[in-house]
Amino acid sequence: MNTGLAPMGFGHGLRWPPMSTSAEHQQTLAILGMALFSIGVVAAIADVLPLVTSWTPLPVAFYLLALLAPLGIALMLGSLWQGARKRSRQTRLTASSRTTDQA
């Protein structure tokens, strides 16, 4: 009986059998993109706050950190696009092999 979880002693929540390296790479890129986007959004909000309050302007580093938001979006979309292309390619190969097997 395969429950999809790792056997005891390997930690909780791990997938069993393990994902392929390309799927792990895609997931890592998506998580990294989300982290960069989150940091960029927080920095952008921190950059706007002095404009609407009477605070002193923040250092230039916060403006540079705000540029991480579009970079994170690009990284997430790129990893999703890469995964979609891979699934599409696998679907086409599976469909073509079924067609040749039936002929």
N, C-alpha and C. Protein backbone atom coordinates (compact mmCIF):
# COMPACT_ATOMS: atom_id res chain seq x y z
N MET A 1 0.84 -1.18 0.00
CA MET A 1 0.00 0.00 0.00
C MET A 1 0.89 1.24 0.00
N ASN A 2 0.78 2.07 -1.05
CA ASN A 2 1.58 3.28 -1.17
C ASN A 2 0.71 4.48 -0.82
N THR A 3 1.02 5.13 0.30
CA THR A 3 0.23 6.27 0.74
C THR A 3 0.74 7.58 0.18
N GLY A 4 1.89 7.57 -0.49
CA GLY A 4 2.46 8.79 -1.04
C GLY A 4 3.35 9.52 -0.06
N LEU A 5 3.43 9.03 1.18
CA LEU A 5 4.29 9.67 2.17
C LEU A 5 5.52 8.83 2.39
N ALA A 6 6.55 9.44 2.95
CA ALA A 6 7.80 8.74 3.18
C ALA A 6 7.63 7.70 4.28
N PRO A 7 8.41 6.62 4.21
CA PRO A 7 8.36 5.64 5.29
C PRO A 7 8.83 6.26 6.60
N MET A 8 8.52 5.62 7.70
CA MET A 8 8.90 6.14 9.01
C MET A 8 10.42 6.31 9.08
N GLY A 9 10.85 7.36 9.74
CA GLY A 9 12.27 7.61 9.89
C GLY A 9 12.83 8.56 8.84
N PHE A 10 12.07 8.85 7.78
CA PHE A 10 12.56 9.75 6.75
C PHE A 10 11.99 11.14 6.87
N GLY A 11 11.21 11.43 7.88
CA GLY A 11 10.64 12.77 8.05
C GLY A 11 9.20 12.80 7.58
N HIS A 12 8.49 13.78 8.05
CA HIS A 12 7.08 13.90 7.71
C HIS A 12 6.90 14.81 6.52
N GLY A 13 5.96 14.49 5.65
CA GLY A 13 5.62 15.34 4.53
C GLY A 13 6.51 15.16 3.31
N LEU A 14 7.49 14.29 3.37
CA LEU A 14 8.32 14.05 2.19
C LEU A 14 7.57 13.14 1.23
N ARG A 15 7.73 13.39 -0.06
CA ARG A 15 7.05 12.57 -1.05
C ARG A 15 7.80 11.25 -1.22
N TRP A 16 7.06 10.18 -1.38
CA TRP A 16 7.67 8.89 -1.64
C TRP A 16 6.93 8.24 -2.77
N PRO A 17 7.46 7.90 -3.85
CA PRO A 17 8.86 7.99 -4.21
C PRO A 17 9.30 9.43 -4.44
N PRO A 18 10.59 9.70 -4.31
CA PRO A 18 11.07 11.08 -4.45
C PRO A 18 10.83 11.64 -5.85
N MET A 19 10.66 12.98 -5.92
CA MET A 19 10.46 13.64 -7.21
C MET A 19 11.73 13.56 -8.04
N SER A 20 11.57 13.72 -9.34
CA SER A 20 12.73 13.73 -10.21
C SER A 20 13.51 15.03 -9.98
N THR A 21 14.73 15.07 -10.43
CA THR A 21 15.56 16.24 -10.19
C THR A 21 15.03 17.46 -10.93
N SER A 22 14.43 17.28 -12.10
CA SER A 22 13.91 18.44 -12.83
C SER A 22 12.68 19.01 -12.12
N ALA A 23 11.85 18.16 -11.55
CA ALA A 23 10.69 18.64 -10.80
C ALA A 23 11.13 19.36 -9.53
N GLU A 24 12.16 18.84 -8.87
CA GLU A 24 12.70 19.50 -7.68
C GLU A 24 13.29 20.85 -8.06
N HIS A 25 13.97 20.90 -9.18
CA HIS A 25 14.58 22.15 -9.64
C HIS A 25 13.49 23.18 -9.94
N GLN A 26 12.43 22.75 -10.60
CA GLN A 26 11.33 23.66 -10.91
C GLN A 26 10.66 24.16 -9.64
N GLN A 27 10.45 23.27 -8.68
CA GLN A 27 9.83 23.67 -7.42
C GLN A 27 10.73 24.63 -6.65
N THR A 28 12.02 24.38 -6.67
CA THR A 28 12.96 25.26 -5.98
C THR A 28 12.96 26.65 -6.61
N LEU A 29 12.91 26.72 -7.94
CA LEU A 29 12.86 28.02 -8.62
C LEU A 29 11.57 28.77 -8.28
N ALA A 30 10.46 28.05 -8.21
CA ALA A 30 9.19 28.70 -7.87
C ALA A 30 9.21 29.23 -6.44
N ILE A 31 9.76 28.47 -5.51
CA ILE A 31 9.83 28.92 -4.11
C ILE A 31 10.78 30.10 -3.99
N LEU A 32 11.91 30.05 -4.69
CA LEU A 32 12.84 31.17 -4.68
C LEU A 32 12.19 32.42 -5.27
N GLY A 33 11.43 32.24 -6.35
CA GLY A 33 10.72 33.37 -6.95
C GLY A 33 9.71 33.98 -5.99
N MET A 34 8.98 33.12 -5.26
CA MET A 34 8.01 33.64 -4.28
C MET A 34 8.71 34.41 -3.18
N ALA A 35 9.85 33.91 -2.72
CA ALA A 35 10.60 34.59 -1.66
C ALA A 35 11.10 35.95 -2.15
N LEU A 36 11.67 35.99 -3.35
CA LEU A 36 12.16 37.26 -3.89
C LEU A 36 11.02 38.25 -4.09
N PHE A 37 9.88 37.77 -4.58
CA PHE A 37 8.73 38.63 -4.77
C PHE A 37 8.24 39.19 -3.43
N SER A 38 8.18 38.34 -2.41
CA SER A 38 7.73 38.80 -1.09
C SER A 38 8.65 39.86 -0.51
N ILE A 39 9.95 39.64 -0.62
CA ILE A 39 10.92 40.63 -0.13
C ILE A 39 10.76 41.93 -0.89
N GLY A 40 10.59 41.85 -2.20
CA GLY A 40 10.43 43.04 -3.02
C GLY A 40 9.17 43.82 -2.69
N VAL A 41 8.07 43.12 -2.43
CA VAL A 41 6.81 43.80 -2.09
C VAL A 41 6.93 44.50 -0.74
N VAL A 42 7.52 43.83 0.23
CA VAL A 42 7.70 44.45 1.55
C VAL A 42 8.58 45.69 1.43
N ALA A 43 9.65 45.61 0.65
CA ALA A 43 10.53 46.76 0.46
C ALA A 43 9.81 47.88 -0.28
N ALA A 44 8.96 47.54 -1.25
CA ALA A 44 8.22 48.57 -1.98
C ALA A 44 7.23 49.29 -1.06
N ILE A 45 6.57 48.53 -0.21
CA ILE A 45 5.66 49.16 0.75
C ILE A 45 6.44 50.05 1.70
N ALA A 46 7.60 49.58 2.15
CA ALA A 46 8.43 50.39 3.03
C ALA A 46 8.92 51.65 2.32
N ASP A 47 9.12 51.59 1.00
CA ASP A 47 9.55 52.76 0.24
C ASP A 47 8.44 53.79 0.12
N VAL A 48 7.21 53.35 0.05
CA VAL A 48 6.08 54.26 -0.14
C VAL A 48 5.65 54.91 1.18
N LEU A 49 5.87 54.22 2.28
CA LEU A 49 5.43 54.76 3.57
C LEU A 49 5.97 56.16 3.89
N PRO A 50 7.23 56.47 3.64
CA PRO A 50 7.70 57.83 3.93
C PRO A 50 7.00 58.90 3.07
N LEU A 51 6.46 58.51 1.93
CA LEU A 51 5.78 59.48 1.08
C LEU A 51 4.42 59.89 1.66
N VAL A 52 3.75 58.96 2.33
CA VAL A 52 2.43 59.26 2.87
C VAL A 52 2.45 59.60 4.34
N THR A 53 3.59 59.45 4.99
CA THR A 53 3.75 59.84 6.39
C THR A 53 4.85 60.89 6.48
N SER A 54 5.14 61.30 7.66
CA SER A 54 6.18 62.33 7.83
C SER A 54 7.53 61.71 8.19
N TRP A 55 7.74 60.46 7.85
CA TRP A 55 9.00 59.80 8.15
C TRP A 55 10.10 60.30 7.23
N THR A 56 11.32 60.10 7.65
CA THR A 56 12.45 60.46 6.79
C THR A 56 12.61 59.37 5.72
N PRO A 57 13.10 59.74 4.55
CA PRO A 57 13.26 58.74 3.48
C PRO A 57 14.21 57.61 3.88
N LEU A 58 13.97 56.45 3.34
CA LEU A 58 14.78 55.27 3.64
C LEU A 58 16.04 55.26 2.78
N PRO A 59 17.03 54.49 3.18
CA PRO A 59 18.26 54.40 2.37
C PRO A 59 18.00 53.79 0.99
N VAL A 60 18.96 53.95 0.12
CA VAL A 60 18.85 53.47 -1.25
C VAL A 60 18.70 51.95 -1.30
N ALA A 61 19.20 51.25 -0.31
CA ALA A 61 19.11 49.79 -0.30
C ALA A 61 17.65 49.31 -0.38
N PHE A 62 16.74 50.05 0.24
CA PHE A 62 15.33 49.65 0.18
C PHE A 62 14.78 49.81 -1.24
N TYR A 63 15.21 50.83 -1.95
CA TYR A 63 14.78 51.01 -3.33
C TYR A 63 15.31 49.87 -4.21
N LEU A 64 16.54 49.45 -3.93
CA LEU A 64 17.12 48.35 -4.69
C LEU A 64 16.44 47.02 -4.34
N LEU A 65 16.07 46.85 -3.06
CA LEU A 65 15.37 45.64 -2.67
C LEU A 65 13.98 45.56 -3.32
N ALA A 66 13.37 46.71 -3.56
CA ALA A 66 12.05 46.72 -4.20
C ALA A 66 12.12 46.19 -5.63
N LEU A 67 13.30 46.23 -6.24
CA LEU A 67 13.47 45.70 -7.59
C LEU A 67 13.44 44.17 -7.63
N LEU A 68 13.45 43.53 -6.45
CA LEU A 68 13.38 42.07 -6.42
C LEU A 68 11.99 41.55 -6.75
N ALA A 69 10.96 42.40 -6.60
CA ALA A 69 9.59 41.94 -6.88
C ALA A 69 9.42 41.51 -8.34
N PRO A 70 9.79 42.34 -9.33
CA PRO A 70 9.64 41.87 -10.70
C PRO A 70 10.57 40.71 -11.04
N LEU A 71 11.73 40.66 -10.41
CA LEU A 71 12.63 39.53 -10.63
C LEU A 71 12.00 38.24 -10.11
N GLY A 72 11.36 38.31 -8.95
CA GLY A 72 10.68 37.13 -8.40
C GLY A 72 9.53 36.67 -9.27
N ILE A 73 8.76 37.63 -9.80
CA ILE A 73 7.65 37.28 -10.70
C ILE A 73 8.20 36.59 -11.95
N ALA A 74 9.27 37.12 -12.51
CA ALA A 74 9.86 36.52 -13.71
C ALA A 74 10.37 35.11 -13.42
N LEU A 75 10.96 34.91 -12.27
CA LEU A 75 11.47 33.59 -11.91
C LEU A 75 10.32 32.59 -11.72
N MET A 76 9.25 33.01 -11.05
CA MET A 76 8.10 32.13 -10.88
C MET A 76 7.46 31.77 -12.22
N LEU A 77 7.22 32.79 -13.05
CA LEU A 77 6.59 32.54 -14.36
C LEU A 77 7.48 31.67 -15.24
N GLY A 78 8.79 31.90 -15.17
CA GLY A 78 9.71 31.08 -15.95
C GLY A 78 9.69 29.62 -15.53
N SER A 79 9.63 29.36 -14.23
CA SER A 79 9.59 27.97 -13.78
C SER A 79 8.26 27.32 -14.14
N LEU A 80 7.16 28.07 -14.06
CA LEU A 80 5.87 27.53 -14.46
C LEU A 80 5.83 27.25 -15.96
N TRP A 81 6.40 28.13 -16.76
CA TRP A 81 6.44 27.96 -18.21
C TRP A 81 7.27 26.72 -18.56
N GLN A 82 8.40 26.57 -17.87
CA GLN A 82 9.26 25.42 -18.12
C GLN A 82 8.53 24.11 -17.79
N GLY A 83 7.81 24.09 -16.68
CA GLY A 83 7.07 22.89 -16.31
C GLY A 83 5.93 22.60 -17.27
N ALA A 84 5.25 23.64 -17.73
CA ALA A 84 4.15 23.44 -18.68
C ALA A 84 4.68 22.90 -20.01
N ARG A 85 5.81 23.40 -20.46
CA ARG A 85 6.40 22.89 -21.70
C ARG A 85 6.79 21.43 -21.57
N LYS A 86 7.34 21.07 -20.39
CA LYS A 86 7.75 19.69 -20.17
C LYS A 86 6.54 18.76 -20.16
N ARG A 87 5.46 19.17 -19.47
CA ARG A 87 4.25 18.35 -19.43
C ARG A 87 3.62 18.24 -20.81
N SER A 88 3.63 19.32 -21.58
CA SER A 88 3.08 19.29 -22.93
C SER A 88 3.88 18.34 -23.82
N ARG A 89 5.20 18.41 -23.70
CA ARG A 89 6.05 17.52 -24.48
C ARG A 89 5.80 16.07 -24.11
N GLN A 90 5.66 15.78 -22.81
CA GLN A 90 5.39 14.40 -22.39
C GLN A 90 4.03 13.93 -22.88
N THR A 91 3.04 14.82 -22.88
CA THR A 91 1.71 14.46 -23.36
C THR A 91 1.75 14.15 -24.85
N ARG A 92 2.47 14.98 -25.61
CA ARG A 92 2.59 14.72 -27.05
C ARG A 92 3.29 13.40 -27.32
N LEU A 93 4.36 13.11 -26.56
CA LEU A 93 5.08 11.85 -26.77
C LEU A 93 4.21 10.66 -26.40
N THR A 94 3.45 10.78 -25.33
CA THR A 94 2.56 9.69 -24.93
C THR A 94 1.47 9.47 -25.97
N ALA A 95 0.91 10.55 -26.47
CA ALA A 95 -0.15 10.44 -27.50
C ALA A 95 0.40 9.84 -28.79
N SER A 96 1.61 10.25 -29.18
CA SER A 96 2.19 9.70 -30.41
C SER A 96 2.56 8.24 -30.24
N SER A 97 3.00 7.84 -29.06
CA SER A 97 3.34 6.42 -28.86
C SER A 97 2.09 5.57 -28.84
N ARG A 98 0.97 6.10 -28.31
CA ARG A 98 -0.29 5.36 -28.35
C ARG A 98 -0.78 5.19 -29.78
N THR A 99 -0.59 6.24 -30.60
CA THR A 99 -1.03 6.18 -32.00
C THR A 99 -0.21 5.15 -32.76
N THR A 100 1.08 5.09 -32.54
CA THR A 100 1.93 4.13 -33.25
C THR A 100 1.68 2.72 -32.73
N ASP A 101 1.33 2.55 -31.46
CA ASP A 101 1.04 1.22 -30.91
C ASP A 101 -0.25 0.67 -31.48
N GLN A 102 -1.23 1.53 -31.73
CA GLN A 102 -2.52 1.07 -32.24
C GLN A 102 -2.47 0.78 -33.74
N ALA A 103 -1.53 1.37 -34.43
CA ALA A 103 -1.45 1.18 -35.90
C ALA A 103 -0.82 -0.12 -36.28
